[in-house]
């Protein structure tokens, strides 16, 4: 049976460092509870409508939110790229105020974190960051739901991210630091995480007691339980002249069976879409060590936990 929904005292879900450890653990617990007892939450959003803004193409984010909201008894409305970039056709403030007249919550997958902040500032309903250029909190929450299912004690997990310092690695690092999970970030020179994100993570890790290692040396990865990677080529850059240069520069950072063995890691993660034989080998992606489709499914349950928490009566 479902448990009472804990009060998280949050009005939006914008960035990983905006939530504390008890709040994150409560969301993880709720996500797993919804996953294991979906019928108990089938009317959790009855009568609620969620506006979903998508400036960028999407498979997992769109489907997981749309179907997840339906499983909770709510209604989702997709607002795609035909509306243009936020702030161009009309002000972000006007967009937020208009949607607040109709919707009970706003989900936004956008190019700029400024757009997320603008929506949250002017909307009178909860705003959920479904991805921006700085954070991907829904993905990180789903990833830690997955890790909780894989390991009996999350606090003892050693997690490494290998590849481009991007929104995915930012959210993973911040959430790991908050939760007290040892984290190693391995990025090529020139593709490091933003200094401001590293500084936030270091502060959070000092408070939680987590180990945080930042390096560009793939040989310094150390012993890990889990290795996580993401595409090296950012969305929209697939056909640029820089692609060959990027692939050559990143080649030593490919996640493969050799690296997994070297780190003594038993689990590999990827947020998808995967560019096979680039950041990860096909053999490893298709192996039993990969939990990539469990991660994908948990996007829905993690997001449902956020929605239920934000929209509870």
C-alpha atoms as a PDB file:
ATOM      1  CA  UNK A   1       0.000   0.000   0.000  1.00  0.00           C
ATOM      2  CA  UNK A   2       1.109   3.558  -0.606  1.00  0.00           C
ATOM      3  CA  UNK A   3       2.561   5.643   2.182  1.00  0.00           C
ATOM      4  CA  UNK A   4       1.465   9.199   3.065  1.00  0.00           C
ATOM      5  CA  UNK A   5       3.217  11.762   0.884  1.00  0.00           C
ATOM      6  CA  UNK A   6       5.870  13.560   2.887  1.00  0.00           C
ATOM      7  CA  UNK A   7       5.810  17.335   2.865  1.00  0.00           C
ATOM      8  CA  UNK A   8       8.882  18.473   0.908  1.00  0.00           C
ATOM      9  CA  UNK A   9       8.220  22.216   1.228  1.00  0.00           C
ATOM     10  CA  UNK A  10       9.163  22.853  -2.404  1.00  0.00           C
ATOM     11  CA  UNK A  11       7.246  24.959  -4.891  1.00  0.00           C
ATOM     12  CA  UNK A  12       9.280  24.155  -8.026  1.00  0.00           C
ATOM     13  CA  UNK A  13      11.794  21.571  -9.297  1.00  0.00           C
ATOM     14  CA  UNK A  14      14.425  23.650 -11.054  1.00  0.00           C
ATOM     15  CA  UNK A  15      17.954  22.632 -10.058  1.00  0.00           C
ATOM     16  CA  UNK A  16      19.580  19.832  -8.101  1.00  0.00           C
ATOM     17  CA  UNK A  17      21.223  22.101  -5.540  1.00  0.00           C
ATOM     18  CA  UNK A  18      17.831  23.620  -4.640  1.00  0.00           C
ATOM     19  CA  UNK A  19      16.871  20.473  -2.696  1.00  0.00           C
ATOM     20  CA  UNK A  20      18.472  19.059   0.434  1.00  0.00           C
ATOM     21  CA  UNK A  21      19.271  15.441   1.248  1.00  0.00           C
ATOM     22  CA  UNK A  22      16.000  14.626   3.097  1.00  0.00           C
ATOM     23  CA  UNK A  23      13.981  16.102   0.222  1.00  0.00           C
ATOM     24  CA  UNK A  24      15.883  14.093  -2.401  1.00  0.00           C
ATOM     25  CA  UNK A  25      15.628  10.874  -0.402  1.00  0.00           C
ATOM     26  CA  UNK A  26      11.894  11.447   0.038  1.00  0.00           C
ATOM     27  CA  UNK A  27      11.466  11.884  -3.720  1.00  0.00           C
ATOM     28  CA  UNK A  28      13.466   8.722  -4.411  1.00  0.00           C
ATOM     29  CA  UNK A  29      11.366   6.792  -1.897  1.00  0.00           C
ATOM     30  CA  UNK A  30       8.133   8.152  -3.381  1.00  0.00           C
ATOM     31  CA  UNK A  31       9.232   7.327  -6.939  1.00  0.00           C
ATOM     32  CA  UNK A  32       9.897   3.713  -5.989  1.00  0.00           C
ATOM     33  CA  UNK A  33       6.588   3.535  -4.119  1.00  0.00           C
ATOM     34  CA  UNK A  34       4.649   4.863  -7.125  1.00  0.00           C
ATOM     35  CA  UNK A  35       6.503   2.404  -9.369  1.00  0.00           C
ATOM     36  CA  UNK A  36       5.643  -0.541  -7.107  1.00  0.00           C
ATOM     37  CA  UNK A  37       2.052   0.590  -6.405  1.00  0.00           C
ATOM     38  CA  UNK A  38       0.875   2.505  -9.494  1.00  0.00           C
ATOM     39  CA  UNK A  39      -2.825   1.865  -8.863  1.00  0.00           C
ATOM     40  CA  UNK A  40      -2.600   3.700  -5.525  1.00  0.00           C
ATOM     41  CA  UNK A  41      -1.677   6.878  -7.417  1.00  0.00           C
ATOM     42  CA  UNK A  42      -3.919   6.475 -10.468  1.00  0.00           C
ATOM     43  CA  UNK A  43      -6.016   9.495  -9.453  1.00  0.00           C
ATOM     44  CA  UNK A  44      -3.268  11.566  -7.810  1.00  0.00           C
ATOM     45  CA  UNK A  45      -3.529  14.211 -10.558  1.00  0.00           C
ATOM     46  CA  UNK A  46      -7.218  13.795 -11.335  1.00  0.00           C
ATOM     47  CA  UNK A  47      -8.548  17.077 -12.712  1.00  0.00           C
ATOM     48  CA  UNK A  48      -5.024  18.483 -13.114  1.00  0.00           C
ATOM     49  CA  UNK A  49      -3.527  19.681 -16.395  1.00  0.00           C
ATOM     50  CA  UNK A  50       0.190  20.071 -17.107  1.00  0.00           C
ATOM     51  CA  UNK A  51       1.573  22.279 -19.896  1.00  0.00           C
ATOM     52  CA  UNK A  52       4.764  20.816 -21.408  1.00  0.00           C
ATOM     53  CA  UNK A  53       7.040  23.296 -23.225  1.00  0.00           C
ATOM     54  CA  UNK A  54       9.592  21.690 -25.556  1.00  0.00           C
ATOM     55  CA  UNK A  55      12.112  23.930 -27.299  1.00  0.00           C
ATOM     56  CA  UNK A  56      14.311  20.901 -28.025  1.00  0.00           C
ATOM     57  CA  UNK A  57      13.518  17.515 -29.613  1.00  0.00           C
ATOM     58  CA  UNK A  58      12.840  14.691 -27.189  1.00  0.00           C
ATOM     59  CA  UNK A  59      11.931  11.021 -26.941  1.00  0.00           C
ATOM     60  CA  UNK A  60      12.297   9.902 -23.311  1.00  0.00           C
ATOM     61  CA  UNK A  61      11.409  13.240 -21.707  1.00  0.00           C
ATOM     62  CA  UNK A  62       8.280  13.753 -23.809  1.00  0.00           C
ATOM     63  CA  UNK A  63       7.007  10.187 -23.526  1.00  0.00           C
ATOM     64  CA  UNK A  64       7.845   9.742 -19.839  1.00  0.00           C
ATOM     65  CA  UNK A  65       6.093  12.948 -18.821  1.00  0.00           C
ATOM     66  CA  UNK A  66       3.077  12.484 -21.095  1.00  0.00           C
ATOM     67  CA  UNK A  67       2.422   8.862 -20.153  1.00  0.00           C
ATOM     68  CA  UNK A  68       3.407   9.409 -16.539  1.00  0.00           C
ATOM     69  CA  UNK A  69       0.882  12.218 -16.145  1.00  0.00           C
ATOM     70  CA  UNK A  70      -1.760   9.983 -17.736  1.00  0.00           C
ATOM     71  CA  UNK A  71      -0.948   7.188 -15.271  1.00  0.00           C
ATOM     72  CA  UNK A  72      -1.578   9.668 -12.454  1.00  0.00           C
ATOM     73  CA  UNK A  73      -4.984  10.556 -13.889  1.00  0.00           C
ATOM     74  CA  UNK A  74      -3.919  13.956 -15.199  1.00  0.00           C
ATOM     75  CA  UNK A  75      -3.856  15.639 -18.607  1.00  0.00           C
ATOM     76  CA  UNK A  76      -0.704  16.699 -20.460  1.00  0.00           C
ATOM     77  CA  UNK A  77      -0.572  19.296 -23.253  1.00  0.00           C
ATOM     78  CA  UNK A  78       2.499  19.311 -25.525  1.00  0.00           C
ATOM     79  CA  UNK A  79       3.746  22.705 -26.716  1.00  0.00           C
ATOM     80  CA  UNK A  80       6.436  22.016 -29.284  1.00  0.00           C
ATOM     81  CA  UNK A  81       9.043  23.869 -31.285  1.00  0.00           C
ATOM     82  CA  UNK A  82       6.407  25.491 -33.517  1.00  0.00           C
ATOM     83  CA  UNK A  83       6.003  28.093 -30.783  1.00  0.00           C
ATOM     84  CA  UNK A  84       9.621  29.190 -31.195  1.00  0.00           C
ATOM     85  CA  UNK A  85      12.215  29.945 -28.553  1.00  0.00           C
ATOM     86  CA  UNK A  86      10.911  31.335 -25.286  1.00  0.00           C
ATOM     87  CA  UNK A  87      11.207  35.108 -25.140  1.00  0.00           C
ATOM     88  CA  UNK A  88      11.177  35.686 -28.907  1.00  0.00           C
ATOM     89  CA  UNK A  89       7.494  35.599 -29.876  1.00  0.00           C
ATOM     90  CA  UNK A  90       6.455  37.033 -26.534  1.00  0.00           C
ATOM     91  CA  UNK A  91       8.094  37.703 -23.199  1.00  0.00           C
ATOM     92  CA  UNK A  92       8.824  34.763 -20.929  1.00  0.00           C
ATOM     93  CA  UNK A  93       6.885  36.570 -18.206  1.00  0.00           C
ATOM     94  CA  UNK A  94       3.783  36.764 -20.418  1.00  0.00           C
ATOM     95  CA  UNK A  95       4.173  33.133 -21.454  1.00  0.00           C
ATOM     96  CA  UNK A  96       4.353  32.058 -17.813  1.00  0.00           C
ATOM     97  CA  UNK A  97       1.393  34.189 -16.741  1.00  0.00           C
ATOM     98  CA  UNK A  98      -0.770  32.956 -19.626  1.00  0.00           C
ATOM     99  CA  UNK A  99      -0.028  29.276 -18.991  1.00  0.00           C
ATOM    100  CA  UNK A 100      -0.747  29.803 -15.302  1.00  0.00           C
ATOM    101  CA  UNK A 101      -4.308  30.771 -16.257  1.00  0.00           C
ATOM    102  CA  UNK A 102      -4.924  27.289 -17.666  1.00  0.00           C
ATOM    103  CA  UNK A 103      -2.406  24.791 -16.306  1.00  0.00           C
ATOM    104  CA  UNK A 104      -1.777  23.411 -12.832  1.00  0.00           C
ATOM    105  CA  UNK A 105       1.952  22.970 -13.539  1.00  0.00           C
ATOM    106  CA  UNK A 106       4.494  23.768 -16.247  1.00  0.00           C
ATOM    107  CA  UNK A 107       7.174  21.376 -17.515  1.00  0.00           C
ATOM    108  CA  UNK A 108       9.870  23.004 -19.652  1.00  0.00           C
ATOM    109  CA  UNK A 109      12.689  21.513 -21.763  1.00  0.00           C
ATOM    110  CA  UNK A 110      14.577  24.564 -22.958  1.00  0.00           C
ATOM    111  CA  UNK A 111      17.876  25.850 -24.276  1.00  0.00           C
ATOM    112  CA  UNK A 112      18.626  28.335 -21.505  1.00  0.00           C
ATOM    113  CA  UNK A 113      18.390  28.141 -17.730  1.00  0.00           C
ATOM    114  CA  UNK A 114      17.381  31.810 -17.859  1.00  0.00           C
ATOM    115  CA  UNK A 115      14.111  30.672 -19.437  1.00  0.00           C
ATOM    116  CA  UNK A 116      13.491  28.234 -16.573  1.00  0.00           C
ATOM    117  CA  UNK A 117      14.170  30.953 -14.030  1.00  0.00           C
ATOM    118  CA  UNK A 118      11.874  33.363 -15.859  1.00  0.00           C
ATOM    119  CA  UNK A 119       9.045  30.851 -15.953  1.00  0.00           C
ATOM    120  CA  UNK A 120       9.439  30.115 -12.250  1.00  0.00           C
ATOM    121  CA  UNK A 121       9.568  33.811 -11.368  1.00  0.00           C
ATOM    122  CA  UNK A 122       6.369  34.757 -13.170  1.00  0.00           C
ATOM    123  CA  UNK A 123       4.271  31.581 -13.119  1.00  0.00           C
ATOM    124  CA  UNK A 124       1.759  31.141 -10.317  1.00  0.00           C
ATOM    125  CA  UNK A 125       1.932  27.342 -10.683  1.00  0.00           C
ATOM    126  CA  UNK A 126       4.859  24.923 -10.094  1.00  0.00           C
ATOM    127  CA  UNK A 127       7.575  24.771 -12.764  1.00  0.00           C
ATOM    128  CA  UNK A 128       9.632  21.645 -13.477  1.00  0.00           C
ATOM    129  CA  UNK A 129      12.968  21.821 -15.299  1.00  0.00           C
ATOM    130  CA  UNK A 130      12.900  18.989 -17.847  1.00  0.00           C
ATOM    131  CA  UNK A 131      16.354  20.042 -19.155  1.00  0.00           C
ATOM    132  CA  UNK A 132      18.273  23.228 -19.788  1.00  0.00           C
ATOM    133  CA  UNK A 133      21.855  24.107 -20.642  1.00  0.00           C
ATOM    134  CA  UNK A 134      23.004  23.913 -16.999  1.00  0.00           C
ATOM    135  CA  UNK A 135      20.889  21.235 -15.286  1.00  0.00           C
ATOM    136  CA  UNK A 136      19.017  18.011 -15.999  1.00  0.00           C
ATOM    137  CA  UNK A 137      17.502  17.330 -12.555  1.00  0.00           C
ATOM    138  CA  UNK A 138      14.800  14.907 -13.716  1.00  0.00           C
ATOM    139  CA  UNK A 139      17.475  12.685 -15.258  1.00  0.00           C
ATOM    140  CA  UNK A 140      19.666  12.777 -12.152  1.00  0.00           C
ATOM    141  CA  UNK A 141      16.733  11.957  -9.875  1.00  0.00           C
ATOM    142  CA  UNK A 142      15.832   8.971 -12.074  1.00  0.00           C
ATOM    143  CA  UNK A 143      19.478   7.883 -12.025  1.00  0.00           C
ATOM    144  CA  UNK A 144      19.581   7.859  -8.242  1.00  0.00           C
ATOM    145  CA  UNK A 145      16.282   5.967  -8.156  1.00  0.00           C
ATOM    146  CA  UNK A 146      18.017   3.396 -10.373  1.00  0.00           C
ATOM    147  CA  UNK A 147      21.096   3.287  -8.145  1.00  0.00           C
ATOM    148  CA  UNK A 148      18.877   2.826  -5.081  1.00  0.00           C
ATOM    149  CA  UNK A 149      17.322  -0.194  -6.793  1.00  0.00           C
ATOM    150  CA  UNK A 150      20.752  -1.570  -7.711  1.00  0.00           C
ATOM    151  CA  UNK A 151      22.575  -1.118  -4.396  1.00  0.00           C
ATOM    152  CA  UNK A 152      21.439  -1.777  -0.838  1.00  0.00           C
ATOM    153  CA  UNK A 153      23.284   1.236   0.604  1.00  0.00           C
ATOM    154  CA  UNK A 154      23.432   4.335  -1.601  1.00  0.00           C
ATOM    155  CA  UNK A 155      25.926   6.017   0.736  1.00  0.00           C
ATOM    156  CA  UNK A 156      28.557   3.381  -0.085  1.00  0.00           C
ATOM    157  CA  UNK A 157      28.268   3.683  -3.869  1.00  0.00           C
ATOM    158  CA  UNK A 158      31.209   5.070  -5.823  1.00  0.00           C
ATOM    159  CA  UNK A 159      30.024   6.768  -9.008  1.00  0.00           C
ATOM    160  CA  UNK A 160      32.167   8.106 -11.843  1.00  0.00           C
ATOM    161  CA  UNK A 161      31.097  10.163 -14.824  1.00  0.00           C
ATOM    162  CA  UNK A 162      33.368   9.979 -17.882  1.00  0.00           C
ATOM    163  CA  UNK A 163      33.019  12.333 -20.847  1.00  0.00           C
ATOM    164  CA  UNK A 164      31.766  15.811 -21.623  1.00  0.00           C
ATOM    165  CA  UNK A 165      31.176  18.194 -18.734  1.00  0.00           C
ATOM    166  CA  UNK A 166      27.553  19.070 -19.446  1.00  0.00           C
ATOM    167  CA  UNK A 167      24.110  19.462 -17.876  1.00  0.00           C
ATOM    168  CA  UNK A 168      23.877  15.724 -17.127  1.00  0.00           C
ATOM    169  CA  UNK A 169      27.217  15.590 -15.325  1.00  0.00           C
ATOM    170  CA  UNK A 170      26.374  18.840 -13.493  1.00  0.00           C
ATOM    171  CA  UNK A 171      23.174  17.385 -12.068  1.00  0.00           C
ATOM    172  CA  UNK A 172      24.764  14.041 -11.219  1.00  0.00           C
ATOM    173  CA  UNK A 173      27.643  15.731  -9.416  1.00  0.00           C
ATOM    174  CA  UNK A 174      25.408  18.087  -7.444  1.00  0.00           C
ATOM    175  CA  UNK A 175      22.965  15.357  -6.449  1.00  0.00           C
ATOM    176  CA  UNK A 176      25.750  12.933  -5.505  1.00  0.00           C
ATOM    177  CA  UNK A 177      27.389  15.604  -3.355  1.00  0.00           C
ATOM    178  CA  UNK A 178      24.084  16.377  -1.633  1.00  0.00           C
ATOM    179  CA  UNK A 179      23.303  12.715  -0.981  1.00  0.00           C
ATOM    180  CA  UNK A 180      26.798  11.882   0.281  1.00  0.00           C
ATOM    181  CA  UNK A 181      27.711   9.654  -2.665  1.00  0.00           C
ATOM    182  CA  UNK A 182      31.401   9.563  -3.638  1.00  0.00           C
ATOM    183  CA  UNK A 183      31.719  11.045  -7.123  1.00  0.00           C
ATOM    184  CA  UNK A 184      34.530  11.244  -9.672  1.00  0.00           C
ATOM    185  CA  UNK A 185      34.256  13.491 -12.717  1.00  0.00           C
ATOM    186  CA  UNK A 186      36.602  12.645 -15.602  1.00  0.00           C
ATOM    187  CA  UNK A 187      36.458  15.114 -18.489  1.00  0.00           C
ATOM    188  CA  UNK A 188      38.873  15.899 -21.346  1.00  0.00           C
ATOM    189  CA  UNK A 189      40.832  19.124 -21.164  1.00  0.00           C
ATOM    190  CA  UNK A 190      38.695  21.907 -22.589  1.00  0.00           C
ATOM    191  CA  UNK A 191      35.439  20.143 -21.749  1.00  0.00           C
ATOM    192  CA  UNK A 192      35.437  20.486 -17.976  1.00  0.00           C
ATOM    193  CA  UNK A 193      32.398  21.305 -15.863  1.00  0.00           C
ATOM    194  CA  UNK A 194      31.625  24.952 -15.125  1.00  0.00           C
ATOM    195  CA  UNK A 195      33.691  26.273 -12.238  1.00  0.00           C
ATOM    196  CA  UNK A 196      30.564  27.535 -10.475  1.00  0.00           C
ATOM    197  CA  UNK A 197      29.024  24.038 -10.535  1.00  0.00           C
ATOM    198  CA  UNK A 198      32.247  22.487  -9.248  1.00  0.00           C
ATOM    199  CA  UNK A 199      32.384  25.017  -6.406  1.00  0.00           C
ATOM    200  CA  UNK A 200      28.754  24.323  -5.438  1.00  0.00           C
ATOM    201  CA  UNK A 201      29.448  20.582  -5.523  1.00  0.00           C
ATOM    202  CA  UNK A 202      32.555  20.944  -3.373  1.00  0.00           C
ATOM    203  CA  UNK A 203      30.566  22.874  -0.757  1.00  0.00           C
ATOM    204  CA  UNK A 204      27.793  20.267  -0.761  1.00  0.00           C
ATOM    205  CA  UNK A 205      30.272  17.371  -0.605  1.00  0.00           C
ATOM    206  CA  UNK A 206      32.080  18.954   2.356  1.00  0.00           C
ATOM    207  CA  UNK A 207      28.759  19.144   4.197  1.00  0.00           C
ATOM    208  CA  UNK A 208      27.669  15.589   3.362  1.00  0.00           C
ATOM    209  CA  UNK A 209      31.063  13.932   3.766  1.00  0.00           C
ATOM    210  CA  UNK A 210      31.179  12.735   0.165  1.00  0.00           C
ATOM    211  CA  UNK A 211      34.420  12.414  -1.743  1.00  0.00           C
ATOM    212  CA  UNK A 212      34.553  14.583  -4.882  1.00  0.00           C
ATOM    213  CA  UNK A 213      37.367  14.086  -7.382  1.00  0.00           C
ATOM    214  CA  UNK A 214      37.699  16.240 -10.513  1.00  0.00           C
ATOM    215  CA  UNK A 215      40.270  15.146 -13.100  1.00  0.00           C
ATOM    216  CA  UNK A 216      41.082  15.047 -16.804  1.00  0.00           C
ATOM    217  CA  UNK A 217      43.248  11.940 -16.423  1.00  0.00           C
ATOM    218  CA  UNK A 218      41.296   8.840 -17.414  1.00  0.00           C
ATOM    219  CA  UNK A 219      43.984   6.726 -15.740  1.00  0.00           C
ATOM    220  CA  UNK A 220      43.107   8.366 -12.424  1.00  0.00           C
ATOM    221  CA  UNK A 221      39.540   7.063 -12.413  1.00  0.00           C
ATOM    222  CA  UNK A 222      40.261   4.744  -9.477  1.00  0.00           C
ATOM    223  CA  UNK A 223      37.963   2.010  -8.187  1.00  0.00           C
ATOM    224  CA  UNK A 224      34.289   2.599  -8.920  1.00  0.00           C
ATOM    225  CA  UNK A 225      30.999   0.751  -8.602  1.00  0.00           C
ATOM    226  CA  UNK A 226      29.324   2.610 -11.452  1.00  0.00           C
ATOM    227  CA  UNK A 227      30.555   4.405 -14.561  1.00  0.00           C
ATOM    228  CA  UNK A 228      28.227   6.849 -16.305  1.00  0.00           C
ATOM    229  CA  UNK A 229      28.678   8.429 -19.724  1.00  0.00           C
ATOM    230  CA  UNK A 230      26.781  10.639 -22.148  1.00  0.00           C
ATOM    231  CA  UNK A 231      27.101  11.607 -25.781  1.00  0.00           C
ATOM    232  CA  UNK A 232      30.188  13.591 -26.732  1.00  0.00           C
ATOM    233  CA  UNK A 233      28.347  15.476 -29.472  1.00  0.00           C
ATOM    234  CA  UNK A 234      25.804  17.985 -28.218  1.00  0.00           C
ATOM    235  CA  UNK A 235      22.343  18.044 -29.770  1.00  0.00           C
ATOM    236  CA  UNK A 236      22.470  20.188 -32.902  1.00  0.00           C
ATOM    237  CA  UNK A 237      26.215  19.709 -33.408  1.00  0.00           C
ATOM    238  CA  UNK A 238      26.003  16.290 -35.055  1.00  0.00           C
ATOM    239  CA  UNK A 239      26.901  17.551 -38.538  1.00  0.00           C
ATOM    240  CA  UNK A 240      29.372  20.290 -37.712  1.00  0.00           C
ATOM    241  CA  UNK A 241      32.947  20.324 -38.932  1.00  0.00           C
ATOM    242  CA  UNK A 242      34.090  19.980 -35.323  1.00  0.00           C
ATOM    243  CA  UNK A 243      32.679  16.461 -34.958  1.00  0.00           C
ATOM    244  CA  UNK A 244      35.801  14.629 -36.205  1.00  0.00           C
ATOM    245  CA  UNK A 245      38.011  16.788 -33.990  1.00  0.00           C
ATOM    246  CA  UNK A 246      35.804  16.113 -30.949  1.00  0.00           C
ATOM    247  CA  UNK A 247      35.743  12.362 -31.557  1.00  0.00           C
ATOM    248  CA  UNK A 248      39.538  12.246 -31.781  1.00  0.00           C
ATOM    249  CA  UNK A 249      39.959  14.343 -28.631  1.00  0.00           C
ATOM    250  CA  UNK A 250      37.492  12.197 -26.668  1.00  0.00           C
ATOM    251  CA  UNK A 251      38.620   8.772 -27.938  1.00  0.00           C
ATOM    252  CA  UNK A 252      40.670   7.891 -24.801  1.00  0.00           C
ATOM    253  CA  UNK A 253      37.533   8.499 -22.702  1.00  0.00           C
ATOM    254  CA  UNK A 254      35.394   5.820 -24.335  1.00  0.00           C
ATOM    255  CA  UNK A 255      33.585   3.651 -21.792  1.00  0.00           C
ATOM    256  CA  UNK A 256      34.188   0.014 -22.673  1.00  0.00           C
ATOM    257  CA  UNK A 257      34.799  -3.341 -21.032  1.00  0.00           C
ATOM    258  CA  UNK A 258      38.488  -2.527 -20.543  1.00  0.00           C
ATOM    259  CA  UNK A 259      37.684   0.626 -18.552  1.00  0.00           C
ATOM    260  CA  UNK A 260      34.977  -1.185 -16.549  1.00  0.00           C
ATOM    261  CA  UNK A 261      37.472  -3.895 -15.631  1.00  0.00           C
ATOM    262  CA  UNK A 262      40.180  -1.378 -14.759  1.00  0.00           C
ATOM    263  CA  UNK A 263      37.803   0.445 -12.391  1.00  0.00           C
ATOM    264  CA  UNK A 264      36.307  -2.797 -11.083  1.00  0.00           C
ATOM    265  CA  UNK A 265      32.881  -1.331 -11.932  1.00  0.00           C
ATOM    266  CA  UNK A 266      29.830  -3.586 -12.183  1.00  0.00           C
ATOM    267  CA  UNK A 267      27.229  -1.130 -13.548  1.00  0.00           C
ATOM    268  CA  UNK A 268      27.304   1.203 -16.552  1.00  0.00           C
ATOM    269  CA  UNK A 269      24.797   4.036 -17.051  1.00  0.00           C
ATOM    270  CA  UNK A 270      23.844   6.244 -19.985  1.00  0.00           C
ATOM    271  CA  UNK A 271      21.003   8.777 -20.244  1.00  0.00           C
ATOM    272  CA  UNK A 272      20.546   8.127 -24.000  1.00  0.00           C
ATOM    273  CA  UNK A 273      20.441   8.614 -26.897  1.00  0.00           C
ATOM    274  CA  UNK A 274      23.704   6.707 -27.162  1.00  0.00           C
ATOM    275  CA  UNK A 275      26.132   7.180 -30.021  1.00  0.00           C
ATOM    276  CA  UNK A 276      27.407   3.624 -30.064  1.00  0.00           C
ATOM    277  CA  UNK A 277      31.121   3.079 -30.710  1.00  0.00           C
ATOM    278  CA  UNK A 278      31.755   6.691 -29.711  1.00  0.00           C
ATOM    279  CA  UNK A 279      31.296   7.346 -25.970  1.00  0.00           C
ATOM    280  CA  UNK A 280      30.337   3.705 -25.294  1.00  0.00           C
ATOM    281  CA  UNK A 281      30.845   0.450 -27.131  1.00  0.00           C
ATOM    282  CA  UNK A 282      27.861  -1.458 -28.492  1.00  0.00           C
ATOM    283  CA  UNK A 283      29.031  -4.554 -26.651  1.00  0.00           C
ATOM    284  CA  UNK A 284      28.960  -2.810 -23.279  1.00  0.00           C
ATOM    285  CA  UNK A 285      25.718  -0.922 -23.948  1.00  0.00           C
ATOM    286  CA  UNK A 286      23.997  -4.218 -24.763  1.00  0.00           C
ATOM    287  CA  UNK A 287      25.572  -6.115 -21.863  1.00  0.00           C
ATOM    288  CA  UNK A 288      24.038  -7.146 -18.555  1.00  0.00           C
ATOM    289  CA  UNK A 289      26.104  -4.449 -16.827  1.00  0.00           C
ATOM    290  CA  UNK A 290      24.045  -1.735 -18.510  1.00  0.00           C
ATOM    291  CA  UNK A 291      20.974  -0.393 -16.701  1.00  0.00           C
ATOM    292  CA  UNK A 292      20.136   2.141 -19.404  1.00  0.00           C
ATOM    293  CA  UNK A 293      16.542   1.049 -19.950  1.00  0.00           C
ATOM    294  CA  UNK A 294      15.898   0.867 -16.218  1.00  0.00           C
ATOM    295  CA  UNK A 295      17.098   4.479 -16.109  1.00  0.00           C
ATOM    296  CA  UNK A 296      14.750   5.364 -18.961  1.00  0.00           C
ATOM    297  CA  UNK A 297      11.746   3.804 -17.230  1.00  0.00           C
ATOM    298  CA  UNK A 298      12.637   5.467 -13.945  1.00  0.00           C
ATOM    299  CA  UNK A 299      12.437   8.864 -15.636  1.00  0.00           C
ATOM    300  CA  UNK A 300       8.670   8.410 -15.565  1.00  0.00           C
ATOM    301  CA  UNK A 301       8.479   7.290 -11.941  1.00  0.00           C
ATOM    302  CA  UNK A 302      10.889   9.964 -10.705  1.00  0.00           C
ATOM    303  CA  UNK A 303       8.992  12.697 -12.541  1.00  0.00           C
ATOM    304  CA  UNK A 304       5.716  11.336 -11.218  1.00  0.00           C
ATOM    305  CA  UNK A 305       7.106  11.651  -7.704  1.00  0.00           C
ATOM    306  CA  UNK A 306       7.954  15.299  -8.389  1.00  0.00           C
ATOM    307  CA  UNK A 307       4.509  15.987  -9.856  1.00  0.00           C
ATOM    308  CA  UNK A 308       2.677  14.287  -6.991  1.00  0.00           C
ATOM    309  CA  UNK A 309       4.776  16.200  -4.444  1.00  0.00           C
ATOM    310  CA  UNK A 310       4.232  19.570  -6.121  1.00  0.00           C
ATOM    311  CA  UNK A 311       0.530  19.117  -6.841  1.00  0.00           C
ATOM    312  CA  UNK A 312      -0.665  17.321  -3.724  1.00  0.00           C
ATOM    313  CA  UNK A 313      -3.701  18.932  -2.109  1.00  0.00           C
END
